[in-house]
Amino acid sequence: MNLTELNRIATAMVAPGKGILAADESSGTIKKRFDAIGVESTEANRRDYREMLFRSKEAMSQYISGVILFDETIWQDAKDGTPLIRLIEESGAIPGIKVDEGTQALPMCPGELVTVGLDKLAERLKKYYERGARFAKWRAVIDIGSGIPSMTAISVNAHALARYAALCQAAQIVPIVEPEVLMDGDHDIDRCLEVTQRVLNKTFQELRVQRVALEGMVLKPNMAIAGKKSAKQASVEEVAEKTVRMLKACVPAAVPGIAFLSGGQSDEEATAHLNAMHKLGPLPWGLTFSYGRALQAAPQKAWSGKPENVAAGQRAFSHRARMNGLAAKGEWTNSLEKKAA
């Protein structure tokens, strides 16, 4: 393992004013997104959509540091025969790959899930590295509900995340470690904060047990945020203050950076929260975004599967990328959104 090189890539992934595009929707998820805009989810349409994003010169070269790909996409070629992964490299962004194989029910823990996909991961990572992937992603899912999460669910998911991270580093690939505490419930921000701290503490304990070099990884956590169904929603300032406090308590300074998931927040909420965190003074690690929906909902709608809408889709993508790029430096304002609209 060349830790200097892993650290260089991890640091580039969280470069100031840039963030990671999560374009790794599974076949099922992208079908849902396409259904919403009336587009059939065929391999050609999925390729055309992602090609549109990767050819957005302004967004890709100025605000996107890396792109997480789904297995199908990493092997696809653009319409003109150029590998899609090449388009990402040519823009100056780093190609990455989602390597988990989804979730299964966790035995003896009703309503809880464990992420799977460790079995042949070492061989798969070798192939992805040869194809050009320089980082990977694995998502653990922790739900908040009545009597959950159990310590069992937190432990097994943290253990799997750490084993995945060790396998990545052995293959000279930077692991994005993503323990996501879902915001689907009716819990308030303090319940989310308490659960996320437990999850992060357990995750870093397991990373140490597996001898993962913290300097060669990126953390992708949720923010401290109230559940979508909670009657008590927190202000932007409260989310920022509690999230930063939580991260300072749990994330060692050796980690080069933290790239948040949006987790179902609206586009502007995800941007405003990230921006507010940067207003809270110097932080021990880079702090940026790794958004899927919050970067892609607008361009998907603008594109709607029509070749004549490609330029409109790219403009929408560039706008969201720029807004988040500014937020990742604490330079975003609500008036910039209004101006674009």
C-alpha atoms as a PDB file:
ATOM      1  CA  MET A   1       0.000   0.000   0.000  1.00  0.00           C
ATOM      2  CA  ASN A   2       1.285   3.429  -1.007  1.00  0.00           C
ATOM      3  CA  LEU A   3      -0.237   5.655   1.670  1.00  0.00           C
ATOM      4  CA  THR A   4       1.239   8.854   0.209  1.00  0.00           C
ATOM      5  CA  GLU A   5      -0.670   8.251  -3.017  1.00  0.00           C
ATOM      6  CA  LEU A   6      -3.900   7.275  -1.199  1.00  0.00           C
ATOM      7  CA  ASN A   7      -3.644  10.459   0.862  1.00  0.00           C
ATOM      8  CA  ARG A   8      -3.049  12.544  -2.273  1.00  0.00           C
ATOM      9  CA  ILE A   9      -6.220  11.182  -3.883  1.00  0.00           C
ATOM     10  CA  ALA A  10      -8.312  11.498  -0.696  1.00  0.00           C
ATOM     11  CA  THR A  11      -7.162  15.113  -0.301  1.00  0.00           C
ATOM     12  CA  ALA A  12      -8.001  15.888  -3.955  1.00  0.00           C
ATOM     13  CA  MET A  13     -11.492  14.422  -3.435  1.00  0.00           C
ATOM     14  CA  VAL A  14     -12.227  17.039  -0.759  1.00  0.00           C
ATOM     15  CA  ALA A  15     -10.378  19.973  -2.384  1.00  0.00           C
ATOM     16  CA  PRO A  16     -11.760  23.392  -1.333  1.00  0.00           C
ATOM     17  CA  GLY A  17     -14.795  24.387  -3.404  1.00  0.00           C
ATOM     18  CA  LYS A  18     -15.162  20.965  -5.038  1.00  0.00           C
ATOM     19  CA  GLY A  19     -17.241  17.910  -4.153  1.00  0.00           C
ATOM     20  CA  ILE A  20     -18.184  14.428  -5.297  1.00  0.00           C
ATOM     21  CA  LEU A  21     -21.023  13.598  -7.691  1.00  0.00           C
ATOM     22  CA  ALA A  22     -22.794  10.412  -6.566  1.00  0.00           C
ATOM     23  CA  ALA A  23     -23.914   8.983  -9.936  1.00  0.00           C
ATOM     24  CA  ASP A  24     -24.012   5.415  -8.635  1.00  0.00           C
ATOM     25  CA  GLU A  25     -27.770   4.848  -8.531  1.00  0.00           C
ATOM     26  CA  SER A  26     -28.621   1.151  -8.762  1.00  0.00           C
ATOM     27  CA  SER A  27     -30.808  -0.033 -11.666  1.00  0.00           C
ATOM     28  CA  GLY A  28     -33.861   0.086  -9.381  1.00  0.00           C
ATOM     29  CA  THR A  29     -33.159   3.590  -8.100  1.00  0.00           C
ATOM     30  CA  ILE A  30     -32.421   5.134 -11.511  1.00  0.00           C
ATOM     31  CA  LYS A  31     -35.650   3.535 -12.817  1.00  0.00           C
ATOM     32  CA  LYS A  32     -37.589   5.378 -10.072  1.00  0.00           C
ATOM     33  CA  ARG A  33     -35.879   8.665 -11.012  1.00  0.00           C
ATOM     34  CA  PHE A  34     -36.571   8.104 -14.723  1.00  0.00           C
ATOM     35  CA  ASP A  35     -40.206   7.093 -14.067  1.00  0.00           C
ATOM     36  CA  ALA A  36     -40.690  10.470 -12.371  1.00  0.00           C
ATOM     37  CA  ILE A  37     -39.634  12.312 -15.569  1.00  0.00           C
ATOM     38  CA  GLY A  38     -41.363   9.900 -17.970  1.00  0.00           C
ATOM     39  CA  VAL A  39     -38.185   8.310 -19.377  1.00  0.00           C
ATOM     40  CA  GLU A  40     -37.798   4.563 -19.947  1.00  0.00           C
ATOM     41  CA  SER A  41     -34.840   3.139 -18.002  1.00  0.00           C
ATOM     42  CA  THR A  42     -32.930   1.465 -20.853  1.00  0.00           C
ATOM     43  CA  GLU A  43     -29.165   1.001 -20.936  1.00  0.00           C
ATOM     44  CA  ALA A  44     -28.925   3.579 -23.748  1.00  0.00           C
ATOM     45  CA  ASN A  45     -30.962   6.181 -21.835  1.00  0.00           C
ATOM     46  CA  ARG A  46     -28.932   5.650 -18.666  1.00  0.00           C
ATOM     47  CA  ARG A  47     -25.737   6.069 -20.679  1.00  0.00           C
ATOM     48  CA  ASP A  48     -27.019   9.203 -22.463  1.00  0.00           C
ATOM     49  CA  TYR A  49     -28.078  10.777 -19.179  1.00  0.00           C
ATOM     50  CA  ARG A  50     -24.737  10.183 -17.480  1.00  0.00           C
ATOM     51  CA  GLU A  51     -22.818  11.223 -20.568  1.00  0.00           C
ATOM     52  CA  MET A  52     -24.713  14.528 -20.439  1.00  0.00           C
ATOM     53  CA  LEU A  53     -23.499  15.064 -16.862  1.00  0.00           C
ATOM     54  CA  PHE A  54     -19.888  14.046 -17.521  1.00  0.00           C
ATOM     55  CA  ARG A  55     -19.697  16.317 -20.578  1.00  0.00           C
ATOM     56  CA  SER A  56     -20.846  19.355 -18.546  1.00  0.00           C
ATOM     57  CA  LYS A  57     -17.493  21.100 -18.852  1.00  0.00           C
ATOM     58  CA  GLU A  58     -18.074  23.948 -16.378  1.00  0.00           C
ATOM     59  CA  ALA A  59     -19.490  21.745 -13.617  1.00  0.00           C
ATOM     60  CA  MET A  60     -17.046  18.888 -14.021  1.00  0.00           C
ATOM     61  CA  SER A  61     -13.852  20.940 -14.299  1.00  0.00           C
ATOM     62  CA  GLN A  62     -14.628  23.593 -11.679  1.00  0.00           C
ATOM     63  CA  TYR A  63     -16.817  22.063  -8.982  1.00  0.00           C
ATOM     64  CA  ILE A  64     -16.638  18.246  -9.168  1.00  0.00           C
ATOM     65  CA  SER A  65     -13.600  16.473  -7.691  1.00  0.00           C
ATOM     66  CA  GLY A  66     -14.777  12.902  -8.249  1.00  0.00           C
ATOM     67  CA  VAL A  67     -17.662  10.796  -9.554  1.00  0.00           C
ATOM     68  CA  ILE A  68     -19.015   7.613  -7.947  1.00  0.00           C
ATOM     69  CA  LEU A  69     -20.107   5.190 -10.682  1.00  0.00           C
ATOM     70  CA  PHE A  70     -22.381   2.146 -10.735  1.00  0.00           C
ATOM     71  CA  ASP A  71     -20.893  -1.092 -12.112  1.00  0.00           C
ATOM     72  CA  GLU A  72     -22.798  -0.774 -15.413  1.00  0.00           C
ATOM     73  CA  THR A  73     -21.523   2.779 -16.022  1.00  0.00           C
ATOM     74  CA  ILE A  74     -17.818   2.113 -15.462  1.00  0.00           C
ATOM     75  CA  TRP A  75     -17.813  -0.295 -18.449  1.00  0.00           C
ATOM     76  CA  GLN A  76     -19.985   1.860 -20.742  1.00  0.00           C
ATOM     77  CA  ASP A  77     -18.781   3.948 -23.679  1.00  0.00           C
ATOM     78  CA  ALA A  78     -20.204   7.310 -24.724  1.00  0.00           C
ATOM     79  CA  LYS A  79     -22.092   7.584 -28.043  1.00  0.00           C
ATOM     80  CA  ASP A  80     -18.832   8.394 -29.856  1.00  0.00           C
ATOM     81  CA  GLY A  81     -17.073   5.341 -28.380  1.00  0.00           C
ATOM     82  CA  THR A  82     -15.103   7.169 -25.659  1.00  0.00           C
ATOM     83  CA  PRO A  83     -15.269   5.244 -22.354  1.00  0.00           C
ATOM     84  CA  LEU A  84     -17.398   7.254 -19.892  1.00  0.00           C
ATOM     85  CA  ILE A  85     -14.624   6.871 -17.315  1.00  0.00           C
ATOM     86  CA  ARG A  86     -12.310   8.677 -19.770  1.00  0.00           C
ATOM     87  CA  LEU A  87     -14.678  11.677 -19.920  1.00  0.00           C
ATOM     88  CA  ILE A  88     -14.420  11.993 -16.140  1.00  0.00           C
ATOM     89  CA  GLU A  89     -10.620  11.809 -16.213  1.00  0.00           C
ATOM     90  CA  GLU A  90     -10.408  14.356 -19.036  1.00  0.00           C
ATOM     91  CA  SER A  91     -12.434  16.852 -16.984  1.00  0.00           C
ATOM     92  CA  GLY A  92      -9.855  16.578 -14.168  1.00  0.00           C
ATOM     93  CA  ALA A  93     -12.198  14.646 -11.835  1.00  0.00           C
ATOM     94  CA  ILE A  94     -11.360  11.283 -10.254  1.00  0.00           C
ATOM     95  CA  PRO A  95     -13.447   8.208 -11.177  1.00  0.00           C
ATOM     96  CA  GLY A  96     -14.770   6.051  -8.332  1.00  0.00           C
ATOM     97  CA  ILE A  97     -16.988   2.977  -8.013  1.00  0.00           C
ATOM     98  CA  LYS A  98     -19.791   1.803  -5.715  1.00  0.00           C
ATOM     99  CA  VAL A  99     -18.796  -1.704  -4.607  1.00  0.00           C
ATOM    100  CA  ASP A 100     -21.403  -2.805  -2.072  1.00  0.00           C
ATOM    101  CA  GLU A 101     -24.124  -5.145  -3.320  1.00  0.00           C
ATOM    102  CA  GLY A 102     -27.045  -3.614  -1.441  1.00  0.00           C
ATOM    103  CA  THR A 103     -28.647  -4.683   1.816  1.00  0.00           C
ATOM    104  CA  GLN A 104     -30.204  -7.802   3.324  1.00  0.00           C
ATOM    105  CA  ALA A 105     -32.381  -8.294   6.389  1.00  0.00           C
ATOM    106  CA  LEU A 106     -30.223  -8.690   9.505  1.00  0.00           C
ATOM    107  CA  PRO A 107     -31.003 -11.995  11.274  1.00  0.00           C
ATOM    108  CA  MET A 108     -32.527 -11.657  14.772  1.00  0.00           C
ATOM    109  CA  CYS A 109     -32.933  -7.886  14.276  1.00  0.00           C
ATOM    110  CA  PRO A 110     -36.429  -7.180  12.886  1.00  0.00           C
ATOM    111  CA  GLY A 111     -36.567  -4.104  10.660  1.00  0.00           C
ATOM    112  CA  GLU A 112     -32.772  -3.759  10.422  1.00  0.00           C
ATOM    113  CA  LEU A 113     -30.399  -4.267   7.498  1.00  0.00           C
ATOM    114  CA  VAL A 114     -26.805  -5.247   6.822  1.00  0.00           C
ATOM    115  CA  THR A 115     -24.864  -4.304   3.693  1.00  0.00           C
ATOM    116  CA  VAL A 116     -23.390  -7.224   1.724  1.00  0.00           C
ATOM    117  CA  GLY A 117     -20.732  -7.657  -0.965  1.00  0.00           C
ATOM    118  CA  LEU A 118     -17.449  -8.517   0.789  1.00  0.00           C
ATOM    119  CA  ASP A 119     -17.172 -12.037  -0.652  1.00  0.00           C
ATOM    120  CA  LYS A 120     -15.290 -11.462  -3.898  1.00  0.00           C
ATOM    121  CA  LEU A 121     -14.477  -7.811  -3.308  1.00  0.00           C
ATOM    122  CA  ALA A 122     -10.688  -8.209  -3.538  1.00  0.00           C
ATOM    123  CA  GLU A 123     -10.935  -9.572  -7.118  1.00  0.00           C
ATOM    124  CA  ARG A 124     -13.499  -6.946  -8.135  1.00  0.00           C
ATOM    125  CA  LEU A 125     -11.344  -4.109  -6.795  1.00  0.00           C
ATOM    126  CA  LYS A 126      -8.426  -5.317  -8.920  1.00  0.00           C
ATOM    127  CA  LYS A 127     -10.568  -5.070 -12.087  1.00  0.00           C
ATOM    128  CA  TYR A 128     -11.941  -1.657 -11.134  1.00  0.00           C
ATOM    129  CA  TYR A 129      -8.423  -0.350 -10.492  1.00  0.00           C
ATOM    130  CA  GLU A 130      -7.292  -1.570 -13.922  1.00  0.00           C
ATOM    131  CA  ARG A 131     -10.298   0.191 -15.468  1.00  0.00           C
ATOM    132  CA  GLY A 132      -9.253   3.479 -13.790  1.00  0.00           C
ATOM    133  CA  ALA A 133     -11.227   3.701 -10.535  1.00  0.00           C
ATOM    134  CA  ARG A 134      -9.166   5.331  -7.783  1.00  0.00           C
ATOM    135  CA  PHE A 135     -11.722   5.367  -4.991  1.00  0.00           C
ATOM    136  CA  ALA A 136     -14.702   3.246  -3.943  1.00  0.00           C
ATOM    137  CA  LYS A 137     -17.880   3.577  -1.916  1.00  0.00           C
ATOM    138  CA  TRP A 138     -19.732   1.287   0.492  1.00  0.00           C
ATOM    139  CA  ARG A 139     -22.961   2.408   2.176  1.00  0.00           C
ATOM    140  CA  ALA A 140     -24.217   1.097   5.493  1.00  0.00           C
ATOM    141  CA  VAL A 141     -27.836   1.894   6.362  1.00  0.00           C
ATOM    142  CA  ILE A 142     -28.932   2.558   9.948  1.00  0.00           C
ATOM    143  CA  ASP A 143     -32.602   3.248  10.601  1.00  0.00           C
ATOM    144  CA  ILE A 144     -34.031   5.069  13.626  1.00  0.00           C
ATOM    145  CA  GLY A 145     -37.329   3.742  14.951  1.00  0.00           C
ATOM    146  CA  SER A 146     -39.013   2.177  17.940  1.00  0.00           C
ATOM    147  CA  GLY A 147     -36.267   0.219  19.733  1.00  0.00           C
ATOM    148  CA  ILE A 148     -33.809   0.572  16.836  1.00  0.00           C
ATOM    149  CA  PRO A 149     -31.022   0.809  15.913  1.00  0.00           C
ATOM    150  CA  SER A 150     -29.762  -2.121  17.949  1.00  0.00           C
ATOM    151  CA  MET A 151     -26.111  -2.339  18.926  1.00  0.00           C
ATOM    152  CA  THR A 152     -26.045  -5.483  16.747  1.00  0.00           C
ATOM    153  CA  ALA A 153     -26.947  -3.522  13.596  1.00  0.00           C
ATOM    154  CA  ILE A 154     -24.450  -0.779  14.392  1.00  0.00           C
ATOM    155  CA  SER A 155     -21.663  -3.323  15.097  1.00  0.00           C
ATOM    156  CA  VAL A 156     -22.108  -5.559  12.052  1.00  0.00           C
ATOM    157  CA  ASN A 157     -22.382  -2.620   9.669  1.00  0.00           C
ATOM    158  CA  ALA A 158     -19.341  -0.871  11.164  1.00  0.00           C
ATOM    159  CA  HIS A 159     -17.382  -4.129  10.927  1.00  0.00           C
ATOM    160  CA  ALA A 160     -18.319  -4.606   7.249  1.00  0.00           C
ATOM    161  CA  LEU A 161     -17.411  -0.968   6.463  1.00  0.00           C
ATOM    162  CA  ALA A 162     -13.993  -1.441   8.059  1.00  0.00           C
ATOM    163  CA  ARG A 163     -13.291  -4.720   6.235  1.00  0.00           C
ATOM    164  CA  TYR A 164     -14.286  -3.090   2.941  1.00  0.00           C
ATOM    165  CA  ALA A 165     -11.988  -0.114   3.684  1.00  0.00           C
ATOM    166  CA  ALA A 166      -9.030  -2.391   4.429  1.00  0.00           C
ATOM    167  CA  LEU A 167      -9.579  -4.342   1.185  1.00  0.00           C
ATOM    168  CA  CYS A 168      -9.727  -1.060  -0.763  1.00  0.00           C
ATOM    169  CA  GLN A 169      -6.478   0.264   0.667  1.00  0.00           C
ATOM    170  CA  ALA A 170      -4.773  -3.071  -0.029  1.00  0.00           C
ATOM    171  CA  ALA A 171      -5.892  -2.632  -3.678  1.00  0.00           C
ATOM    172  CA  GLN A 172      -4.550   0.970  -3.731  1.00  0.00           C
ATOM    173  CA  ILE A 173      -8.084   2.415  -3.812  1.00  0.00           C
ATOM    174  CA  VAL A 174      -9.310   5.156  -1.442  1.00  0.00           C
ATOM    175  CA  PRO A 175     -12.391   3.983   0.492  1.00  0.00           C
ATOM    176  CA  ILE A 176     -15.341   6.301   1.020  1.00  0.00           C
ATOM    177  CA  VAL A 177     -16.748   5.068   4.333  1.00  0.00           C
ATOM    178  CA  GLU A 178     -20.496   5.793   4.351  1.00  0.00           C
ATOM    179  CA  PRO A 179     -22.452   5.000   7.509  1.00  0.00           C
ATOM    180  CA  GLU A 180     -25.856   6.577   6.792  1.00  0.00           C
ATOM    181  CA  VAL A 181     -28.321   7.172   9.600  1.00  0.00           C
ATOM    182  CA  LEU A 182     -31.584   7.618   7.677  1.00  0.00           C
ATOM    183  CA  MET A 183     -33.782  10.702   8.047  1.00  0.00           C
ATOM    184  CA  ASP A 184     -37.020   8.847   7.229  1.00  0.00           C
ATOM    185  CA  GLY A 185     -38.533   8.721  10.724  1.00  0.00           C
ATOM    186  CA  ASP A 186     -40.289  11.119  13.085  1.00  0.00           C
ATOM    187  CA  HIS A 187     -37.289  11.535  15.427  1.00  0.00           C
ATOM    188  CA  ASP A 188     -35.938  14.964  16.341  1.00  0.00           C
ATOM    189  CA  ILE A 189     -32.409  16.281  15.679  1.00  0.00           C
ATOM    190  CA  ASP A 190     -31.118  15.262  19.129  1.00  0.00           C
ATOM    191  CA  ARG A 191     -32.102  11.623  18.582  1.00  0.00           C
ATOM    192  CA  CYS A 192     -30.308  11.695  15.217  1.00  0.00           C
ATOM    193  CA  LEU A 193     -27.251  13.259  16.878  1.00  0.00           C
ATOM    194  CA  GLU A 194     -27.130  10.612  19.601  1.00  0.00           C
ATOM    195  CA  VAL A 195     -27.498   7.671  17.170  1.00  0.00           C
ATOM    196  CA  THR A 196     -25.013   9.093  14.640  1.00  0.00           C
ATOM    197  CA  GLN A 197     -22.393   9.579  17.364  1.00  0.00           C
ATOM    198  CA  ARG A 198     -22.766   5.938  18.384  1.00  0.00           C
ATOM    199  CA  VAL A 199     -22.463   4.858  14.741  1.00  0.00           C
ATOM    200  CA  LEU A 200     -19.384   7.015  14.049  1.00  0.00           C
ATOM    201  CA  ASN A 201     -17.615   5.965  17.253  1.00  0.00           C
ATOM    202  CA  LYS A 202     -18.186   2.280  16.484  1.00  0.00           C
ATOM    203  CA  THR A 203     -17.108   2.756  12.850  1.00  0.00           C
ATOM    204  CA  PHE A 204     -13.778   4.360  13.802  1.00  0.00           C
ATOM    205  CA  GLN A 205     -13.190   1.693  16.455  1.00  0.00           C
ATOM    206  CA  GLU A 206     -13.622  -1.000  13.759  1.00  0.00           C
ATOM    207  CA  LEU A 207     -11.455   0.911  11.254  1.00  0.00           C
ATOM    208  CA  ARG A 208      -8.622   0.848  13.801  1.00  0.00           C
ATOM    209  CA  VAL A 209      -9.129  -2.870  14.476  1.00  0.00           C
ATOM    210  CA  GLN A 210      -8.846  -3.533  10.700  1.00  0.00           C
ATOM    211  CA  ARG A 211      -5.691  -1.353  10.506  1.00  0.00           C
ATOM    212  CA  VAL A 212      -7.204   1.084   8.034  1.00  0.00           C
ATOM    213  CA  ALA A 213      -4.970   4.138   7.522  1.00  0.00           C
ATOM    214  CA  LEU A 214      -7.225   7.086   8.334  1.00  0.00           C
ATOM    215  CA  GLU A 215      -5.069   9.384   6.157  1.00  0.00           C
ATOM    216  CA  GLY A 216      -6.127   7.369   3.101  1.00  0.00           C
ATOM    217  CA  MET A 217      -9.931   7.467   3.415  1.00  0.00           C
ATOM    218  CA  VAL A 218     -12.889   9.850   3.117  1.00  0.00           C
ATOM    219  CA  LEU A 219     -15.894   9.779   5.463  1.00  0.00           C
ATOM    220  CA  LYS A 220     -19.396  10.178   3.972  1.00  0.00           C
ATOM    221  CA  PRO A 221     -21.810  10.677   6.884  1.00  0.00           C
ATOM    222  CA  ASN A 222     -25.301  12.082   7.288  1.00  0.00           C
ATOM    223  CA  MET A 223     -25.776  15.465   8.908  1.00  0.00           C
ATOM    224  CA  ALA A 224     -27.391  15.765  12.347  1.00  0.00           C
ATOM    225  CA  ILE A 225     -30.926  16.446  11.151  1.00  0.00           C
ATOM    226  CA  ALA A 226     -34.510  15.801  12.267  1.00  0.00           C
ATOM    227  CA  GLY A 227     -36.459  12.975  10.620  1.00  0.00           C
ATOM    228  CA  LYS A 228     -38.660  13.949   7.665  1.00  0.00           C
ATOM    229  CA  LYS A 229     -41.817  13.142   9.650  1.00  0.00           C
ATOM    230  CA  SER A 230     -40.750  15.033  12.786  1.00  0.00           C
ATOM    231  CA  ALA A 231     -43.082  17.818  13.887  1.00  0.00           C
ATOM    232  CA  LYS A 232     -39.998  19.655  15.164  1.00  0.00           C
ATOM    233  CA  GLN A 233     -37.666  20.586  12.290  1.00  0.00           C
ATOM    234  CA  ALA A 234     -34.331  22.207  13.184  1.00  0.00           C
ATOM    235  CA  SER A 235     -33.100  25.513  11.764  1.00  0.00           C
ATOM    236  CA  VAL A 236     -30.175  25.673   9.315  1.00  0.00           C
ATOM    237  CA  GLU A 237     -27.978  27.086  12.108  1.00  0.00           C
ATOM    238  CA  GLU A 238     -28.906  24.306  14.548  1.00  0.00           C
ATOM    239  CA  VAL A 239     -28.182  21.584  11.971  1.00  0.00           C
ATOM    240  CA  ALA A 240     -24.787  23.168  11.212  1.00  0.00           C
ATOM    241  CA  GLU A 241     -23.802  23.695  14.838  1.00  0.00           C
ATOM    242  CA  LYS A 242     -24.836  20.216  16.034  1.00  0.00           C
ATOM    243  CA  THR A 243     -23.325  18.449  13.016  1.00  0.00           C
ATOM    244  CA  VAL A 244     -19.953  20.172  13.421  1.00  0.00           C
ATOM    245  CA  ARG A 245     -19.947  19.474  17.160  1.00  0.00           C
ATOM    246  CA  MET A 246     -20.769  15.797  16.486  1.00  0.00           C
ATOM    247  CA  LEU A 247     -17.991  15.445  13.886  1.00  0.00           C
ATOM    248  CA  LYS A 248     -15.396  17.125  16.090  1.00  0.00           C
ATOM    249  CA  ALA A 249     -16.289  14.667  18.858  1.00  0.00           C
ATOM    250  CA  CYS A 250     -16.091  11.567  16.645  1.00  0.00           C
ATOM    251  CA  VAL A 251     -13.851  12.075  13.590  1.00  0.00           C
ATOM    252  CA  PRO A 252     -10.061  12.056  14.078  1.00  0.00           C
ATOM    253  CA  ALA A 253      -8.151  14.942  12.486  1.00  0.00           C
ATOM    254  CA  ALA A 254      -6.072  12.374  10.543  1.00  0.00           C
ATOM    255  CA  VAL A 255      -9.035  11.889   8.156  1.00  0.00           C
ATOM    256  CA  PRO A 256      -8.368  14.188   5.139  1.00  0.00           C
ATOM    257  CA  GLY A 257     -12.009  15.008   4.573  1.00  0.00           C
ATOM    258  CA  ILE A 258     -15.702  14.550   5.113  1.00  0.00           C
ATOM    259  CA  ALA A 259     -18.132  14.583   2.167  1.00  0.00           C
ATOM    260  CA  PHE A 260     -21.771  14.670   3.273  1.00  0.00           C
ATOM    261  CA  LEU A 261     -24.577  12.677   1.718  1.00  0.00           C
ATOM    262  CA  SER A 262     -27.778  14.672   1.133  1.00  0.00           C
ATOM    263  CA  GLY A 263     -29.999  11.843   2.406  1.00  0.00           C
ATOM    264  CA  GLY A 264     -33.293  13.152   1.063  1.00  0.00           C
ATOM    265  CA  GLN A 265     -32.852  16.850   1.867  1.00  0.00           C
ATOM    266  CA  SER A 266     -34.068  19.284  -0.780  1.00  0.00           C
ATOM    267  CA  ASP A 267     -31.422  20.768  -3.114  1.00  0.00           C
ATOM    268  CA  GLU A 268     -31.303  24.105  -1.317  1.00  0.00           C
ATOM    269  CA  GLU A 269     -31.418  22.638   2.206  1.00  0.00           C
ATOM    270  CA  ALA A 270     -28.372  20.450   1.497  1.00  0.00           C
ATOM    271  CA  THR A 271     -26.517  23.498   0.138  1.00  0.00           C
ATOM    272  CA  ALA A 272     -27.547  25.847   2.966  1.00  0.00           C
ATOM    273  CA  HIS A 273     -26.542  23.371   5.691  1.00  0.00           C
ATOM    274  CA  LEU A 274     -23.082  22.793   4.192  1.00  0.00           C
ATOM    275  CA  ASN A 275     -22.561  26.537   3.780  1.00  0.00           C
ATOM    276  CA  ALA A 276     -23.552  27.247   7.403  1.00  0.00           C
ATOM    277  CA  MET A 277     -20.998  24.702   8.682  1.00  0.00           C
ATOM    278  CA  HIS A 278     -18.205  26.591   6.921  1.00  0.00           C
ATOM    279  CA  LYS A 279     -19.243  29.735   8.785  1.00  0.00           C
ATOM    280  CA  LEU A 280     -18.317  28.045  12.085  1.00  0.00           C
ATOM    281  CA  GLY A 281     -14.600  28.675  11.786  1.00  0.00           C
ATOM    282  CA  PRO A 282     -11.622  26.500  10.913  1.00  0.00           C
ATOM    283  CA  LEU A 283     -12.260  22.749  10.847  1.00  0.00           C
ATOM    284  CA  PRO A 284      -9.728  19.924  11.310  1.00  0.00           C
ATOM    285  CA  TRP A 285     -10.650  18.237   7.985  1.00  0.00           C
ATOM    286  CA  GLY A 286     -11.906  19.239   4.548  1.00  0.00           C
ATOM    287  CA  LEU A 287     -15.712  19.489   4.546  1.00  0.00           C
ATOM    288  CA  THR A 288     -17.661  19.109   1.309  1.00  0.00           C
ATOM    289  CA  PHE A 289     -20.524  17.341  -0.472  1.00  0.00           C
ATOM    290  CA  SER A 290     -21.074  13.950  -2.070  1.00  0.00           C
ATOM    291  CA  TYR A 291     -24.613  14.448  -3.316  1.00  0.00           C
ATOM    292  CA  GLY A 292     -26.769  12.345  -5.620  1.00  0.00           C
ATOM    293  CA  ARG A 293     -30.325  13.655  -5.702  1.00  0.00           C
ATOM    294  CA  ALA A 294     -29.374  17.150  -4.507  1.00  0.00           C
ATOM    295  CA  LEU A 295     -27.125  17.554  -7.578  1.00  0.00           C
ATOM    296  CA  GLN A 296     -29.197  15.600 -10.087  1.00  0.00           C
ATOM    297  CA  ALA A 297     -32.910  16.267  -9.504  1.00  0.00           C
ATOM    298  CA  ALA A 298     -32.789  19.592 -11.402  1.00  0.00           C
ATOM    299  CA  PRO A 299     -30.780  18.356 -14.432  1.00  0.00           C
ATOM    300  CA  GLN A 300     -32.944  15.207 -14.689  1.00  0.00           C
ATOM    301  CA  LYS A 301     -36.085  17.332 -14.895  1.00  0.00           C
ATOM    302  CA  ALA A 302     -34.543  19.781 -17.394  1.00  0.00           C
ATOM    303  CA  TRP A 303     -33.284  16.937 -19.620  1.00  0.00           C
ATOM    304  CA  SER A 304     -36.396  14.687 -19.465  1.00  0.00           C
ATOM    305  CA  GLY A 305     -34.809  12.210 -21.895  1.00  0.00           C
ATOM    306  CA  LYS A 306     -34.861  14.552 -24.914  1.00  0.00           C
ATOM    307  CA  PRO A 307     -31.665  15.121 -26.965  1.00  0.00           C
ATOM    308  CA  GLU A 308     -32.695  18.744 -27.592  1.00  0.00           C
ATOM    309  CA  ASN A 309     -32.710  19.351 -23.801  1.00  0.00           C
ATOM    310  CA  VAL A 310     -29.089  18.284 -23.197  1.00  0.00           C
ATOM    311  CA  ALA A 311     -27.829  21.892 -22.954  1.00  0.00           C
ATOM    312  CA  ALA A 312     -30.637  22.785 -20.505  1.00  0.00           C
ATOM    313  CA  GLY A 313     -29.793  19.711 -18.393  1.00  0.00           C
ATOM    314  CA  GLN A 314     -26.128  20.699 -18.340  1.00  0.00           C
ATOM    315  CA  ARG A 315     -26.981  24.266 -17.300  1.00  0.00           C
ATOM    316  CA  ALA A 316     -29.106  22.936 -14.415  1.00  0.00           C
ATOM    317  CA  PHE A 317     -26.303  20.598 -13.339  1.00  0.00           C
ATOM    318  CA  SER A 318     -23.681  23.370 -13.551  1.00  0.00           C
ATOM    319  CA  HIS A 319     -25.856  25.631 -11.419  1.00  0.00           C
ATOM    320  CA  ARG A 320     -26.306  23.066  -8.638  1.00  0.00           C
ATOM    321  CA  ALA A 321     -22.621  22.095  -8.771  1.00  0.00           C
ATOM    322  CA  ARG A 322     -21.615  25.768  -8.524  1.00  0.00           C
ATOM    323  CA  MET A 323     -23.999  26.451  -5.606  1.00  0.00           C
ATOM    324  CA  ASN A 324     -22.553  23.482  -3.687  1.00  0.00           C
ATOM    325  CA  GLY A 325     -18.998  24.432  -4.648  1.00  0.00           C
ATOM    326  CA  LEU A 326     -19.600  27.872  -3.113  1.00  0.00           C
ATOM    327  CA  ALA A 327     -21.225  26.295  -0.036  1.00  0.00           C
ATOM    328  CA  ALA A 328     -18.119  24.120   0.397  1.00  0.00           C
ATOM    329  CA  LYS A 329     -16.196  27.364   0.974  1.00  0.00           C
ATOM    330  CA  GLY A 330     -18.905  29.154   2.984  1.00  0.00           C
ATOM    331  CA  GLU A 331     -19.531  31.574   0.097  1.00  0.00           C
ATOM    332  CA  TRP A 332     -23.090  30.592  -0.906  1.00  0.00           C
ATOM    333  CA  THR A 333     -26.034  32.947  -0.441  1.00  0.00           C
ATOM    334  CA  ASN A 334     -29.740  32.432  -0.984  1.00  0.00           C
ATOM    335  CA  SER A 335     -29.801  35.406  -3.379  1.00  0.00           C
ATOM    336  CA  LEU A 336     -27.522  33.472  -5.795  1.00  0.00           C
ATOM    337  CA  GLU A 337     -30.291  30.848  -6.066  1.00  0.00           C
ATOM    338  CA  LYS A 338     -32.910  33.508  -6.736  1.00  0.00           C
ATOM    339  CA  LYS A 339     -30.704  35.196  -9.349  1.00  0.00           C
ATOM    340  CA  ALA A 340     -30.333  31.946 -11.306  1.00  0.00           C
ATOM    341  CA  ALA A 341     -34.056  31.222 -11.072  1.00  0.00           C
END
